[in-house]
Amino acid sequence: MYEKKHLILEYPHSAVLYLRHNNDTPDNMTVIIKTPGGEISYKVPVIKMQKYSLEEIFKKNLLFLIPFYIFNYEKEFPLMENGNENFQKAEKEFITIIKQLNNICLGGEISEYTKSMLLDMSNIVIESLAVKYEKIKKGIGGIIGGKVLDYEAKTIFRSGREEGMKNGMVYAYYEMNLQTNEIARKVNLTEEEVLEIIRKKDMQ
């Protein structure tokens, strides 16, 4: 922004993300900017991935953390590979992640593209982080990659879309003055179903 003799540069809010941390990891870091006119500094918060639960991530809308959520289990990988209880817990949590993302996508809070990007990035992180752990890659990675479950929200979305398309086709044929028995044959419905769709459309 330019104001008379001043050029004002506004920096966005920022933070530092630590995927791994220990007792020495600070809660804040100082950013120092060196300019020809001198130095300026300010503090930014440190986000410690392993301190965020799945509930917090969705409640606080920190969706950018989802691809790195597998880091919360990293120390347990050797045991998880042998099928301990944390493996089942991780599977359930990643199923929850997908259901939650589907729900907020259906609700219009995020786009289909954003949801797909978050899941694709999650799968890439899992593939890289668990490169030595085949069971984790296939199990958790398979869930994220959509190879294990046909998720409820996805099914609802698909069936709703298909129903909407069929309804639209029925009414389009009706507007073309086709007989209801012929419409039924074209859209693979019963004549009673076709009549019900037309009736509901006429009432709108």
N, C-alpha and C. Protein backbone atom coordinates (compact mmCIF):
# COMPACT_ATOMS: atom_id res chain seq x y z
N MET A 1 0.85 -1.19 0.00
CA MET A 1 0.00 0.00 0.00
C MET A 1 0.89 1.24 0.00
N TYR A 2 0.53 2.21 -0.82
CA TYR A 2 1.33 3.42 -0.93
C TYR A 2 0.59 4.59 -0.29
N GLU A 3 1.25 5.28 0.61
CA GLU A 3 0.69 6.46 1.26
C GLU A 3 1.71 7.58 1.23
N LYS A 4 1.46 8.57 0.36
CA LYS A 4 2.37 9.71 0.20
C LYS A 4 3.80 9.23 -0.02
N LYS A 5 4.67 9.45 0.96
CA LYS A 5 6.07 9.06 0.79
C LYS A 5 6.39 7.70 1.41
N HIS A 6 5.35 6.97 1.79
CA HIS A 6 5.57 5.70 2.45
C HIS A 6 5.02 4.53 1.62
N LEU A 7 5.81 3.48 1.52
CA LEU A 7 5.36 2.23 0.92
C LEU A 7 5.17 1.25 2.07
N ILE A 8 3.94 0.88 2.34
CA ILE A 8 3.63 0.04 3.49
C ILE A 8 3.46 -1.41 3.03
N LEU A 9 4.29 -2.30 3.57
CA LEU A 9 4.21 -3.73 3.26
C LEU A 9 3.61 -4.45 4.45
N GLU A 10 2.51 -5.11 4.22
CA GLU A 10 1.83 -5.81 5.31
C GLU A 10 2.13 -7.30 5.22
N TYR A 11 2.76 -7.84 6.27
CA TYR A 11 3.10 -9.26 6.30
C TYR A 11 1.92 -10.07 6.87
N PRO A 12 1.67 -11.21 6.29
CA PRO A 12 0.55 -12.04 6.81
C PRO A 12 0.94 -12.68 8.14
N HIS A 13 -0.09 -13.13 8.88
CA HIS A 13 0.19 -13.89 10.09
C HIS A 13 0.87 -15.20 9.71
N SER A 14 1.86 -15.56 10.47
CA SER A 14 2.61 -16.77 10.13
C SER A 14 2.88 -17.59 11.39
N ALA A 15 3.36 -18.80 11.18
CA ALA A 15 3.71 -19.70 12.27
C ALA A 15 4.75 -20.68 11.76
N VAL A 16 5.38 -21.39 12.69
CA VAL A 16 6.36 -22.42 12.33
C VAL A 16 5.78 -23.77 12.74
N LEU A 17 5.74 -24.70 11.79
CA LEU A 17 5.19 -26.03 12.06
C LEU A 17 6.32 -27.01 12.33
N TYR A 18 6.28 -27.64 13.51
CA TYR A 18 7.23 -28.70 13.85
C TYR A 18 6.49 -30.03 13.76
N LEU A 19 6.94 -30.88 12.82
CA LEU A 19 6.33 -32.20 12.68
C LEU A 19 6.79 -33.13 13.79
N ARG A 20 7.98 -32.89 14.30
CA ARG A 20 8.51 -33.60 15.46
C ARG A 20 9.00 -32.57 16.46
N HIS A 21 8.84 -32.85 17.74
CA HIS A 21 9.34 -31.91 18.75
C HIS A 21 9.80 -32.67 19.99
N ASN A 22 10.56 -31.97 20.82
CA ASN A 22 10.99 -32.52 22.10
C ASN A 22 10.86 -31.44 23.17
N ASN A 23 11.43 -31.69 24.34
CA ASN A 23 11.29 -30.74 25.46
C ASN A 23 12.00 -29.41 25.20
N ASP A 24 12.95 -29.42 24.28
CA ASP A 24 13.71 -28.20 23.99
C ASP A 24 13.05 -27.35 22.90
N THR A 25 12.00 -27.87 22.28
CA THR A 25 11.33 -27.12 21.21
C THR A 25 10.58 -25.93 21.82
N PRO A 26 10.86 -24.71 21.38
CA PRO A 26 10.21 -23.52 21.97
C PRO A 26 8.75 -23.39 21.56
N ASP A 27 8.04 -22.58 22.30
CA ASP A 27 6.63 -22.30 21.96
C ASP A 27 6.52 -21.14 20.97
N ASN A 28 7.56 -20.33 20.88
CA ASN A 28 7.60 -19.21 19.95
C ASN A 28 8.99 -19.11 19.33
N MET A 29 9.04 -18.52 18.16
CA MET A 29 10.33 -18.24 17.52
C MET A 29 10.35 -16.78 17.09
N THR A 30 11.54 -16.22 17.06
CA THR A 30 11.69 -14.82 16.66
C THR A 30 12.10 -14.75 15.20
N VAL A 31 11.35 -14.04 14.42
CA VAL A 31 11.70 -13.79 13.02
C VAL A 31 12.44 -12.47 12.95
N ILE A 32 13.62 -12.50 12.36
CA ILE A 32 14.43 -11.29 12.22
C ILE A 32 14.53 -10.94 10.74
N ILE A 33 14.15 -9.72 10.41
CA ILE A 33 14.23 -9.24 9.03
C ILE A 33 15.30 -8.15 8.97
N LYS A 34 16.31 -8.39 8.16
CA LYS A 34 17.39 -7.42 8.01
C LYS A 34 17.12 -6.55 6.78
N THR A 35 17.14 -5.26 6.98
CA THR A 35 16.90 -4.32 5.90
C THR A 35 18.05 -3.33 5.83
N PRO A 36 18.20 -2.58 4.73
CA PRO A 36 19.25 -1.56 4.65
C PRO A 36 19.13 -0.50 5.76
N GLY A 37 17.91 -0.33 6.27
CA GLY A 37 17.71 0.68 7.31
C GLY A 37 17.81 0.13 8.73
N GLY A 38 18.10 -1.18 8.86
CA GLY A 38 18.21 -1.77 10.18
C GLY A 38 17.43 -3.07 10.28
N GLU A 39 17.40 -3.64 11.46
CA GLU A 39 16.71 -4.89 11.69
C GLU A 39 15.37 -4.69 12.37
N ILE A 40 14.42 -5.55 12.02
CA ILE A 40 13.16 -5.60 12.76
C ILE A 40 12.91 -7.06 13.13
N SER A 41 12.24 -7.28 14.21
CA SER A 41 11.97 -8.65 14.63
C SER A 41 10.58 -8.76 15.25
N TYR A 42 10.02 -9.96 15.17
CA TYR A 42 8.73 -10.20 15.81
C TYR A 42 8.61 -11.70 16.08
N LYS A 43 7.76 -12.05 17.02
CA LYS A 43 7.60 -13.45 17.40
C LYS A 43 6.46 -14.11 16.65
N VAL A 44 6.68 -15.37 16.32
CA VAL A 44 5.62 -16.17 15.70
C VAL A 44 5.44 -17.44 16.53
N PRO A 45 4.21 -17.94 16.60
CA PRO A 45 3.97 -19.16 17.40
C PRO A 45 4.52 -20.40 16.71
N VAL A 46 4.87 -21.39 17.52
CA VAL A 46 5.33 -22.68 17.02
C VAL A 46 4.17 -23.68 17.15
N ILE A 47 3.81 -24.29 16.05
CA ILE A 47 2.77 -25.33 16.05
C ILE A 47 3.45 -26.69 16.15
N LYS A 48 3.12 -27.43 17.19
CA LYS A 48 3.71 -28.75 17.40
C LYS A 48 2.69 -29.81 17.01
N MET A 49 2.94 -30.43 15.87
CA MET A 49 1.97 -31.34 15.27
C MET A 49 1.43 -32.37 16.25
N GLN A 50 2.30 -32.96 17.04
CA GLN A 50 1.90 -34.08 17.89
C GLN A 50 1.06 -33.65 19.09
N LYS A 51 0.84 -32.35 19.24
CA LYS A 51 0.00 -31.88 20.34
C LYS A 51 -1.44 -31.64 19.91
N TYR A 52 -1.71 -31.83 18.61
CA TYR A 52 -3.06 -31.56 18.10
C TYR A 52 -3.82 -32.86 17.89
N SER A 53 -4.96 -32.95 18.55
CA SER A 53 -5.83 -34.11 18.35
C SER A 53 -6.66 -33.90 17.08
N LEU A 54 -7.25 -34.99 16.61
CA LEU A 54 -8.10 -34.91 15.42
C LEU A 54 -9.28 -33.98 15.66
N GLU A 55 -9.84 -34.04 16.86
CA GLU A 55 -10.98 -33.19 17.20
C GLU A 55 -10.60 -31.71 17.12
N GLU A 56 -9.41 -31.36 17.62
CA GLU A 56 -8.96 -29.97 17.58
C GLU A 56 -8.74 -29.50 16.15
N ILE A 57 -8.18 -30.36 15.33
CA ILE A 57 -7.89 -29.98 13.94
C ILE A 57 -9.16 -29.56 13.22
N PHE A 58 -10.24 -30.33 13.40
CA PHE A 58 -11.50 -29.98 12.72
C PHE A 58 -12.22 -28.85 13.43
N LYS A 59 -12.16 -28.82 14.76
CA LYS A 59 -12.85 -27.77 15.51
C LYS A 59 -12.24 -26.40 15.22
N LYS A 60 -10.91 -26.34 15.12
CA LYS A 60 -10.21 -25.08 14.88
C LYS A 60 -9.96 -24.82 13.40
N ASN A 61 -10.48 -25.71 12.54
CA ASN A 61 -10.35 -25.57 11.09
C ASN A 61 -8.88 -25.53 10.65
N LEU A 62 -8.06 -26.37 11.27
CA LEU A 62 -6.64 -26.46 10.92
C LEU A 62 -6.43 -27.61 9.93
N LEU A 63 -7.17 -27.56 8.83
CA LEU A 63 -7.18 -28.68 7.89
C LEU A 63 -5.82 -28.90 7.23
N PHE A 64 -4.98 -27.86 7.20
CA PHE A 64 -3.67 -28.00 6.59
C PHE A 64 -2.79 -28.98 7.37
N LEU A 65 -3.19 -29.32 8.61
CA LEU A 65 -2.42 -30.27 9.41
C LEU A 65 -2.74 -31.73 9.08
N ILE A 66 -3.85 -31.96 8.40
CA ILE A 66 -4.29 -33.33 8.13
C ILE A 66 -3.24 -34.18 7.42
N PRO A 67 -2.57 -33.68 6.37
CA PRO A 67 -1.57 -34.53 5.71
C PRO A 67 -0.44 -34.99 6.64
N PHE A 68 -0.23 -34.28 7.74
CA PHE A 68 0.87 -34.61 8.64
C PHE A 68 0.41 -35.35 9.89
N TYR A 69 -0.87 -35.71 9.93
CA TYR A 69 -1.41 -36.33 11.15
C TYR A 69 -0.74 -37.67 11.44
N ILE A 70 -0.26 -38.36 10.42
CA ILE A 70 0.40 -39.65 10.61
C ILE A 70 1.64 -39.51 11.48
N PHE A 71 2.23 -38.31 11.57
CA PHE A 71 3.40 -38.11 12.42
C PHE A 71 3.07 -38.39 13.89
N ASN A 72 1.81 -38.28 14.27
CA ASN A 72 1.41 -38.57 15.65
C ASN A 72 1.64 -40.04 16.00
N TYR A 73 1.76 -40.88 14.98
CA TYR A 73 1.94 -42.31 15.21
C TYR A 73 3.36 -42.78 14.89
N GLU A 74 4.21 -41.90 14.46
CA GLU A 74 5.52 -42.30 13.93
C GLU A 74 6.32 -43.16 14.92
N LYS A 75 6.33 -42.79 16.18
CA LYS A 75 7.12 -43.53 17.17
C LYS A 75 6.57 -44.94 17.40
N GLU A 76 5.31 -45.15 17.02
CA GLU A 76 4.66 -46.45 17.22
C GLU A 76 4.76 -47.36 16.00
N PHE A 77 5.37 -46.89 14.93
CA PHE A 77 5.40 -47.66 13.68
C PHE A 77 5.89 -49.11 13.87
N PRO A 78 7.00 -49.36 14.59
CA PRO A 78 7.47 -50.75 14.72
C PRO A 78 6.42 -51.66 15.35
N LEU A 79 5.71 -51.16 16.37
CA LEU A 79 4.66 -51.96 17.01
C LEU A 79 3.42 -52.06 16.13
N MET A 80 3.09 -50.95 15.48
CA MET A 80 1.91 -50.95 14.61
C MET A 80 2.06 -51.94 13.46
N GLU A 81 3.28 -52.08 12.97
CA GLU A 81 3.53 -53.00 11.86
C GLU A 81 3.19 -54.44 12.25
N ASN A 82 3.27 -54.72 13.55
CA ASN A 82 2.93 -56.06 14.05
C ASN A 82 1.47 -56.16 14.47
N GLY A 83 0.70 -55.08 14.21
CA GLY A 83 -0.74 -55.14 14.43
C GLY A 83 -1.19 -54.88 15.85
N ASN A 84 -0.50 -54.00 16.58
CA ASN A 84 -0.96 -53.71 17.95
C ASN A 84 -2.18 -52.80 17.92
N GLU A 85 -2.70 -52.44 19.11
CA GLU A 85 -3.95 -51.68 19.17
C GLU A 85 -3.86 -50.31 18.50
N ASN A 86 -2.66 -49.73 18.44
CA ASN A 86 -2.53 -48.42 17.81
C ASN A 86 -2.75 -48.48 16.29
N PHE A 87 -2.52 -49.65 15.71
CA PHE A 87 -2.80 -49.79 14.28
C PHE A 87 -4.30 -49.66 14.02
N GLN A 88 -5.10 -50.35 14.84
CA GLN A 88 -6.55 -50.25 14.71
C GLN A 88 -7.04 -48.83 15.02
N LYS A 89 -6.41 -48.20 16.02
CA LYS A 89 -6.79 -46.83 16.37
C LYS A 89 -6.50 -45.88 15.21
N ALA A 90 -5.34 -46.06 14.58
CA ALA A 90 -4.97 -45.21 13.44
C ALA A 90 -5.94 -45.41 12.28
N GLU A 91 -6.31 -46.66 12.01
CA GLU A 91 -7.26 -46.94 10.94
C GLU A 91 -8.59 -46.21 11.19
N LYS A 92 -9.08 -46.30 12.43
CA LYS A 92 -10.35 -45.64 12.76
C LYS A 92 -10.24 -44.13 12.61
N GLU A 93 -9.09 -43.56 13.03
CA GLU A 93 -8.94 -42.11 12.94
C GLU A 93 -8.87 -41.64 11.49
N PHE A 94 -8.22 -42.39 10.64
CA PHE A 94 -8.15 -41.97 9.24
C PHE A 94 -9.47 -42.19 8.51
N ILE A 95 -10.24 -43.17 8.93
CA ILE A 95 -11.61 -43.30 8.41
C ILE A 95 -12.43 -42.08 8.84
N THR A 96 -12.26 -41.66 10.08
CA THR A 96 -12.95 -40.46 10.59
C THR A 96 -12.54 -39.23 9.80
N ILE A 97 -11.25 -39.11 9.48
CA ILE A 97 -10.76 -37.97 8.70
C ILE A 97 -11.51 -37.88 7.37
N ILE A 98 -11.62 -39.02 6.69
CA ILE A 98 -12.28 -39.03 5.37
C ILE A 98 -13.76 -38.70 5.50
N LYS A 99 -14.42 -39.28 6.49
CA LYS A 99 -15.84 -38.98 6.69
C LYS A 99 -16.07 -37.51 7.01
N GLN A 100 -15.21 -36.96 7.87
CA GLN A 100 -15.33 -35.54 8.24
C GLN A 100 -15.11 -34.64 7.02
N LEU A 101 -14.09 -34.95 6.23
CA LEU A 101 -13.82 -34.15 5.04
C LEU A 101 -14.97 -34.25 4.05
N ASN A 102 -15.52 -35.45 3.90
CA ASN A 102 -16.68 -35.62 3.00
C ASN A 102 -17.86 -34.79 3.49
N ASN A 103 -18.09 -34.80 4.80
CA ASN A 103 -19.23 -34.07 5.37
C ASN A 103 -19.09 -32.57 5.16
N ILE A 104 -17.90 -32.02 5.43
CA ILE A 104 -17.75 -30.57 5.28
C ILE A 104 -17.68 -30.17 3.81
N CYS A 105 -17.28 -31.13 2.96
CA CYS A 105 -17.31 -30.87 1.52
C CYS A 105 -18.76 -30.81 1.04
N LEU A 106 -19.57 -31.76 1.49
CA LEU A 106 -20.99 -31.76 1.13
C LEU A 106 -21.70 -30.53 1.67
N GLY A 107 -21.21 -30.04 2.83
CA GLY A 107 -21.81 -28.84 3.43
C GLY A 107 -21.34 -27.55 2.79
N GLY A 108 -20.42 -27.64 1.83
CA GLY A 108 -19.96 -26.45 1.11
C GLY A 108 -18.86 -25.67 1.82
N GLU A 109 -18.30 -26.23 2.91
CA GLU A 109 -17.24 -25.51 3.63
C GLU A 109 -15.90 -25.59 2.91
N ILE A 110 -15.68 -26.68 2.19
CA ILE A 110 -14.49 -26.81 1.35
C ILE A 110 -14.93 -27.36 0.00
N SER A 111 -14.07 -27.19 -0.99
CA SER A 111 -14.40 -27.70 -2.33
C SER A 111 -13.94 -29.15 -2.46
N GLU A 112 -14.46 -29.81 -3.50
CA GLU A 112 -14.02 -31.17 -3.81
C GLU A 112 -12.52 -31.19 -4.10
N TYR A 113 -12.04 -30.13 -4.75
CA TYR A 113 -10.61 -30.03 -5.05
C TYR A 113 -9.77 -29.98 -3.78
N THR A 114 -10.19 -29.16 -2.80
CA THR A 114 -9.46 -29.04 -1.54
C THR A 114 -9.44 -30.38 -0.81
N LYS A 115 -10.59 -31.05 -0.77
CA LYS A 115 -10.66 -32.36 -0.11
C LYS A 115 -9.71 -33.34 -0.77
N SER A 116 -9.73 -33.40 -2.09
CA SER A 116 -8.86 -34.33 -2.82
C SER A 116 -7.39 -34.01 -2.60
N MET A 117 -7.07 -32.71 -2.58
CA MET A 117 -5.69 -32.30 -2.37
C MET A 117 -5.19 -32.72 -0.99
N LEU A 118 -6.03 -32.55 0.04
CA LEU A 118 -5.65 -32.93 1.40
C LEU A 118 -5.43 -34.44 1.50
N LEU A 119 -6.28 -35.21 0.86
CA LEU A 119 -6.14 -36.67 0.89
C LEU A 119 -4.94 -37.14 0.08
N ASP A 120 -4.72 -36.51 -1.08
CA ASP A 120 -3.56 -36.87 -1.90
C ASP A 120 -2.26 -36.56 -1.16
N MET A 121 -2.20 -35.40 -0.52
CA MET A 121 -1.00 -35.04 0.24
C MET A 121 -0.80 -35.97 1.42
N SER A 122 -1.90 -36.37 2.07
CA SER A 122 -1.81 -37.31 3.19
C SER A 122 -1.23 -38.63 2.73
N ASN A 123 -1.67 -39.09 1.58
CA ASN A 123 -1.19 -40.36 1.05
C ASN A 123 0.30 -40.29 0.71
N ILE A 124 0.73 -39.15 0.17
CA ILE A 124 2.15 -38.96 -0.17
C ILE A 124 3.00 -39.00 1.10
N VAL A 125 2.54 -38.31 2.16
CA VAL A 125 3.28 -38.28 3.42
C VAL A 125 3.36 -39.69 4.02
N ILE A 126 2.25 -40.41 4.00
CA ILE A 126 2.24 -41.78 4.55
C ILE A 126 3.20 -42.67 3.77
N GLU A 127 3.17 -42.59 2.44
CA GLU A 127 4.05 -43.40 1.60
C GLU A 127 5.51 -43.11 1.91
N SER A 128 5.84 -41.84 2.15
CA SER A 128 7.23 -41.44 2.40
C SER A 128 7.66 -41.79 3.82
N LEU A 129 6.80 -41.51 4.79
CA LEU A 129 7.16 -41.69 6.20
C LEU A 129 7.21 -43.17 6.58
N ALA A 130 6.32 -43.96 6.00
CA ALA A 130 6.23 -45.38 6.36
C ALA A 130 6.85 -46.27 5.29
N VAL A 131 7.87 -45.77 4.63
CA VAL A 131 8.46 -46.49 3.51
C VAL A 131 8.96 -47.88 3.92
N LYS A 132 9.36 -48.06 5.19
CA LYS A 132 9.88 -49.34 5.66
C LYS A 132 8.79 -50.23 6.28
N TYR A 133 7.56 -49.72 6.30
CA TYR A 133 6.48 -50.43 7.00
C TYR A 133 5.35 -50.74 6.03
N GLU A 134 5.41 -51.92 5.45
CA GLU A 134 4.49 -52.28 4.37
C GLU A 134 3.04 -52.35 4.84
N LYS A 135 2.82 -52.88 6.05
CA LYS A 135 1.45 -53.01 6.55
C LYS A 135 0.80 -51.65 6.74
N ILE A 136 1.57 -50.70 7.26
CA ILE A 136 1.05 -49.34 7.49
C ILE A 136 0.76 -48.67 6.15
N LYS A 137 1.67 -48.82 5.20
CA LYS A 137 1.47 -48.21 3.87
C LYS A 137 0.21 -48.75 3.21
N LYS A 138 0.04 -50.07 3.28
CA LYS A 138 -1.13 -50.68 2.62
C LYS A 138 -2.41 -50.42 3.39
N GLY A 139 -2.33 -50.47 4.74
CA GLY A 139 -3.52 -50.29 5.56
C GLY A 139 -4.00 -48.85 5.60
N ILE A 140 -3.18 -47.98 6.19
CA ILE A 140 -3.56 -46.57 6.31
C ILE A 140 -3.57 -45.90 4.94
N GLY A 141 -2.53 -46.19 4.14
CA GLY A 141 -2.48 -45.61 2.79
C GLY A 141 -3.65 -46.06 1.94
N GLY A 142 -4.07 -47.31 2.12
CA GLY A 142 -5.22 -47.82 1.36
C GLY A 142 -6.50 -47.12 1.72
N ILE A 143 -6.66 -46.79 3.00
CA ILE A 143 -7.85 -46.06 3.45
C ILE A 143 -7.88 -44.67 2.82
N ILE A 144 -6.76 -43.97 2.92
CA ILE A 144 -6.68 -42.61 2.37
C ILE A 144 -6.83 -42.63 0.85
N GLY A 145 -6.28 -43.67 0.22
CA GLY A 145 -6.37 -43.76 -1.23
C GLY A 145 -7.73 -44.20 -1.72
N GLY A 146 -8.64 -44.51 -0.78
CA GLY A 146 -10.00 -44.88 -1.16
C GLY A 146 -10.14 -46.30 -1.67
N LYS A 147 -9.17 -47.18 -1.33
CA LYS A 147 -9.22 -48.54 -1.85
C LYS A 147 -9.90 -49.52 -0.90
N VAL A 148 -10.18 -49.07 0.34
CA VAL A 148 -10.70 -50.00 1.33
C VAL A 148 -12.19 -49.84 1.55
N LEU A 149 -12.66 -48.60 1.69
CA LEU A 149 -14.05 -48.36 2.05
C LEU A 149 -14.76 -47.51 1.02
N ASP A 150 -16.06 -47.77 0.88
CA ASP A 150 -16.91 -46.88 0.10
C ASP A 150 -17.65 -46.04 1.14
N TYR A 151 -17.16 -44.86 1.42
CA TYR A 151 -17.59 -44.10 2.58
C TYR A 151 -19.02 -43.60 2.45
N GLU A 152 -19.70 -43.56 3.59
CA GLU A 152 -21.12 -43.23 3.64
C GLU A 152 -21.42 -41.89 2.98
N ALA A 153 -20.63 -40.86 3.33
CA ALA A 153 -20.90 -39.53 2.77
C ALA A 153 -20.71 -39.52 1.25
N LYS A 154 -19.70 -40.26 0.80
CA LYS A 154 -19.44 -40.35 -0.64
C LYS A 154 -20.60 -41.04 -1.34
N THR A 155 -21.12 -42.09 -0.72
CA THR A 155 -22.25 -42.83 -1.28
C THR A 155 -23.49 -41.95 -1.36
N ILE A 156 -23.74 -41.20 -0.28
CA ILE A 156 -24.89 -40.30 -0.26
C ILE A 156 -24.78 -39.26 -1.37
N PHE A 157 -23.57 -38.70 -1.51
CA PHE A 157 -23.35 -37.68 -2.54
C PHE A 157 -23.60 -38.25 -3.93
N ARG A 158 -23.05 -39.45 -4.17
CA ARG A 158 -23.18 -40.05 -5.48
C ARG A 158 -24.63 -40.39 -5.80
N SER A 159 -25.33 -40.99 -4.81
CA SER A 159 -26.72 -41.37 -5.06
C SER A 159 -27.60 -40.14 -5.24
N GLY A 160 -27.31 -39.09 -4.48
CA GLY A 160 -28.07 -37.85 -4.62
C GLY A 160 -27.87 -37.22 -5.98
N ARG A 161 -26.62 -37.26 -6.45
CA ARG A 161 -26.33 -36.70 -7.77
C ARG A 161 -27.03 -37.50 -8.86
N GLU A 162 -26.99 -38.84 -8.73
CA GLU A 162 -27.63 -39.69 -9.73
C GLU A 162 -29.15 -39.47 -9.75
N GLU A 163 -29.73 -39.33 -8.54
CA GLU A 163 -31.17 -39.09 -8.46
C GLU A 163 -31.54 -37.77 -9.11
N GLY A 164 -30.72 -36.74 -8.86
CA GLY A 164 -30.98 -35.44 -9.46
C GLY A 164 -30.92 -35.49 -10.97
N MET A 165 -29.95 -36.24 -11.50
CA MET A 165 -29.83 -36.37 -12.95
C MET A 165 -31.04 -37.09 -13.54
N LYS A 166 -31.49 -38.16 -12.87
CA LYS A 166 -32.64 -38.91 -13.38
C LYS A 166 -33.89 -38.04 -13.36
N ASN A 167 -34.07 -37.30 -12.27
CA ASN A 167 -35.24 -36.42 -12.18
C ASN A 167 -35.24 -35.39 -13.30
N GLY A 168 -34.04 -34.84 -13.57
CA GLY A 168 -33.93 -33.86 -14.63
C GLY A 168 -34.24 -34.45 -15.99
N MET A 169 -33.79 -35.67 -16.22
CA MET A 169 -34.05 -36.34 -17.50
C MET A 169 -35.54 -36.64 -17.65
N VAL A 170 -36.18 -37.07 -16.57
CA VAL A 170 -37.62 -37.37 -16.63
C VAL A 170 -38.39 -36.14 -17.05
N TYR A 171 -38.09 -35.01 -16.39
CA TYR A 171 -38.86 -33.81 -16.70
C TYR A 171 -38.53 -33.26 -18.09
N ALA A 172 -37.28 -33.45 -18.54
CA ALA A 172 -36.92 -33.02 -19.89
C ALA A 172 -37.71 -33.80 -20.94
N TYR A 173 -37.81 -35.12 -20.73
CA TYR A 173 -38.60 -35.94 -21.66
C TYR A 173 -40.08 -35.57 -21.59
N TYR A 174 -40.54 -35.26 -20.38
CA TYR A 174 -41.95 -34.86 -20.20
C TYR A 174 -42.24 -33.57 -20.97
N GLU A 175 -41.29 -32.64 -20.93
CA GLU A 175 -41.44 -31.37 -21.66
C GLU A 175 -41.44 -31.61 -23.17
N MET A 176 -40.84 -32.72 -23.60
CA MET A 176 -40.81 -33.07 -25.03
C MET A 176 -42.07 -33.85 -25.43
N ASN A 177 -43.03 -33.95 -24.47
CA ASN A 177 -44.33 -34.60 -24.72
C ASN A 177 -44.23 -36.11 -24.95
N LEU A 178 -43.21 -36.74 -24.37
CA LEU A 178 -43.14 -38.19 -24.44
C LEU A 178 -44.13 -38.81 -23.46
N GLN A 179 -44.64 -39.99 -23.80
CA GLN A 179 -45.55 -40.69 -22.91
C GLN A 179 -44.78 -41.20 -21.69
N THR A 180 -45.50 -41.28 -20.55
CA THR A 180 -44.82 -41.66 -19.31
C THR A 180 -44.24 -43.08 -19.36
N ASN A 181 -44.90 -43.98 -20.09
CA ASN A 181 -44.33 -45.34 -20.20
C ASN A 181 -43.04 -45.35 -21.00
N GLU A 182 -42.94 -44.45 -21.99
CA GLU A 182 -41.73 -44.35 -22.79
C GLU A 182 -40.60 -43.70 -21.97
N ILE A 183 -40.97 -42.68 -21.17
CA ILE A 183 -39.97 -42.04 -20.29
C ILE A 183 -39.41 -43.05 -19.31
N ALA A 184 -40.29 -43.86 -18.75
CA ALA A 184 -39.88 -44.87 -17.77
C ALA A 184 -38.86 -45.83 -18.37
N ARG A 185 -39.11 -46.22 -19.61
CA ARG A 185 -38.19 -47.15 -20.28
C ARG A 185 -36.83 -46.50 -20.52
N LYS A 186 -36.82 -45.22 -20.89
CA LYS A 186 -35.57 -44.53 -21.21
C LYS A 186 -34.69 -44.30 -19.98
N VAL A 187 -35.32 -44.04 -18.83
CA VAL A 187 -34.54 -43.72 -17.62
C VAL A 187 -34.48 -44.88 -16.63
N ASN A 188 -35.01 -46.03 -17.04
CA ASN A 188 -34.96 -47.25 -16.22
C ASN A 188 -35.67 -47.06 -14.87
N LEU A 189 -36.89 -46.52 -14.92
CA LEU A 189 -37.74 -46.38 -13.74
C LEU A 189 -39.10 -47.00 -14.04
N THR A 190 -39.91 -47.17 -13.00
CA THR A 190 -41.28 -47.62 -13.23
C THR A 190 -42.11 -46.41 -13.65
N GLU A 191 -43.23 -46.67 -14.28
CA GLU A 191 -44.10 -45.56 -14.70
C GLU A 191 -44.63 -44.81 -13.49
N GLU A 192 -44.88 -45.52 -12.38
CA GLU A 192 -45.34 -44.86 -11.15
C GLU A 192 -44.28 -43.88 -10.62
N GLU A 193 -43.01 -44.28 -10.69
CA GLU A 193 -41.92 -43.40 -10.23
C GLU A 193 -41.81 -42.16 -11.10
N VAL A 194 -42.00 -42.36 -12.40
CA VAL A 194 -41.97 -41.22 -13.34
C VAL A 194 -43.09 -40.24 -13.03
N LEU A 195 -44.29 -40.76 -12.80
CA LEU A 195 -45.44 -39.91 -12.49
C LEU A 195 -45.22 -39.14 -11.18
N GLU A 196 -44.60 -39.78 -10.21
CA GLU A 196 -44.33 -39.13 -8.93
C GLU A 196 -43.32 -37.97 -9.10
N ILE A 197 -42.30 -38.19 -9.91
CA ILE A 197 -41.30 -37.14 -10.18
C ILE A 197 -41.97 -35.95 -10.87
N ILE A 198 -42.80 -36.23 -11.85
CA ILE A 198 -43.49 -35.15 -12.57
C ILE A 198 -44.43 -34.40 -11.64
N ARG A 199 -45.13 -35.13 -10.80
CA ARG A 199 -46.06 -34.51 -9.85
C ARG A 199 -45.30 -33.56 -8.90
N LYS A 200 -44.20 -34.01 -8.36
CA LYS A 200 -43.41 -33.18 -7.43
C LYS A 200 -42.85 -31.94 -8.14
N LYS A 201 -42.42 -32.13 -9.39
CA LYS A 201 -41.87 -30.99 -10.14
C LYS A 201 -42.97 -29.96 -10.40
N ASP A 202 -44.15 -30.40 -10.75
CA ASP A 202 -45.26 -29.50 -11.05
C ASP A 202 -45.73 -28.73 -9.81
N MET A 203 -45.48 -29.31 -8.62
CA MET A 203 -45.89 -28.67 -7.38
C MET A 203 -44.91 -27.59 -6.92
N GLN A 204 -43.71 -27.58 -7.50
CA GLN A 204 -42.68 -26.62 -7.06
C GLN A 204 -43.00 -25.21 -7.56
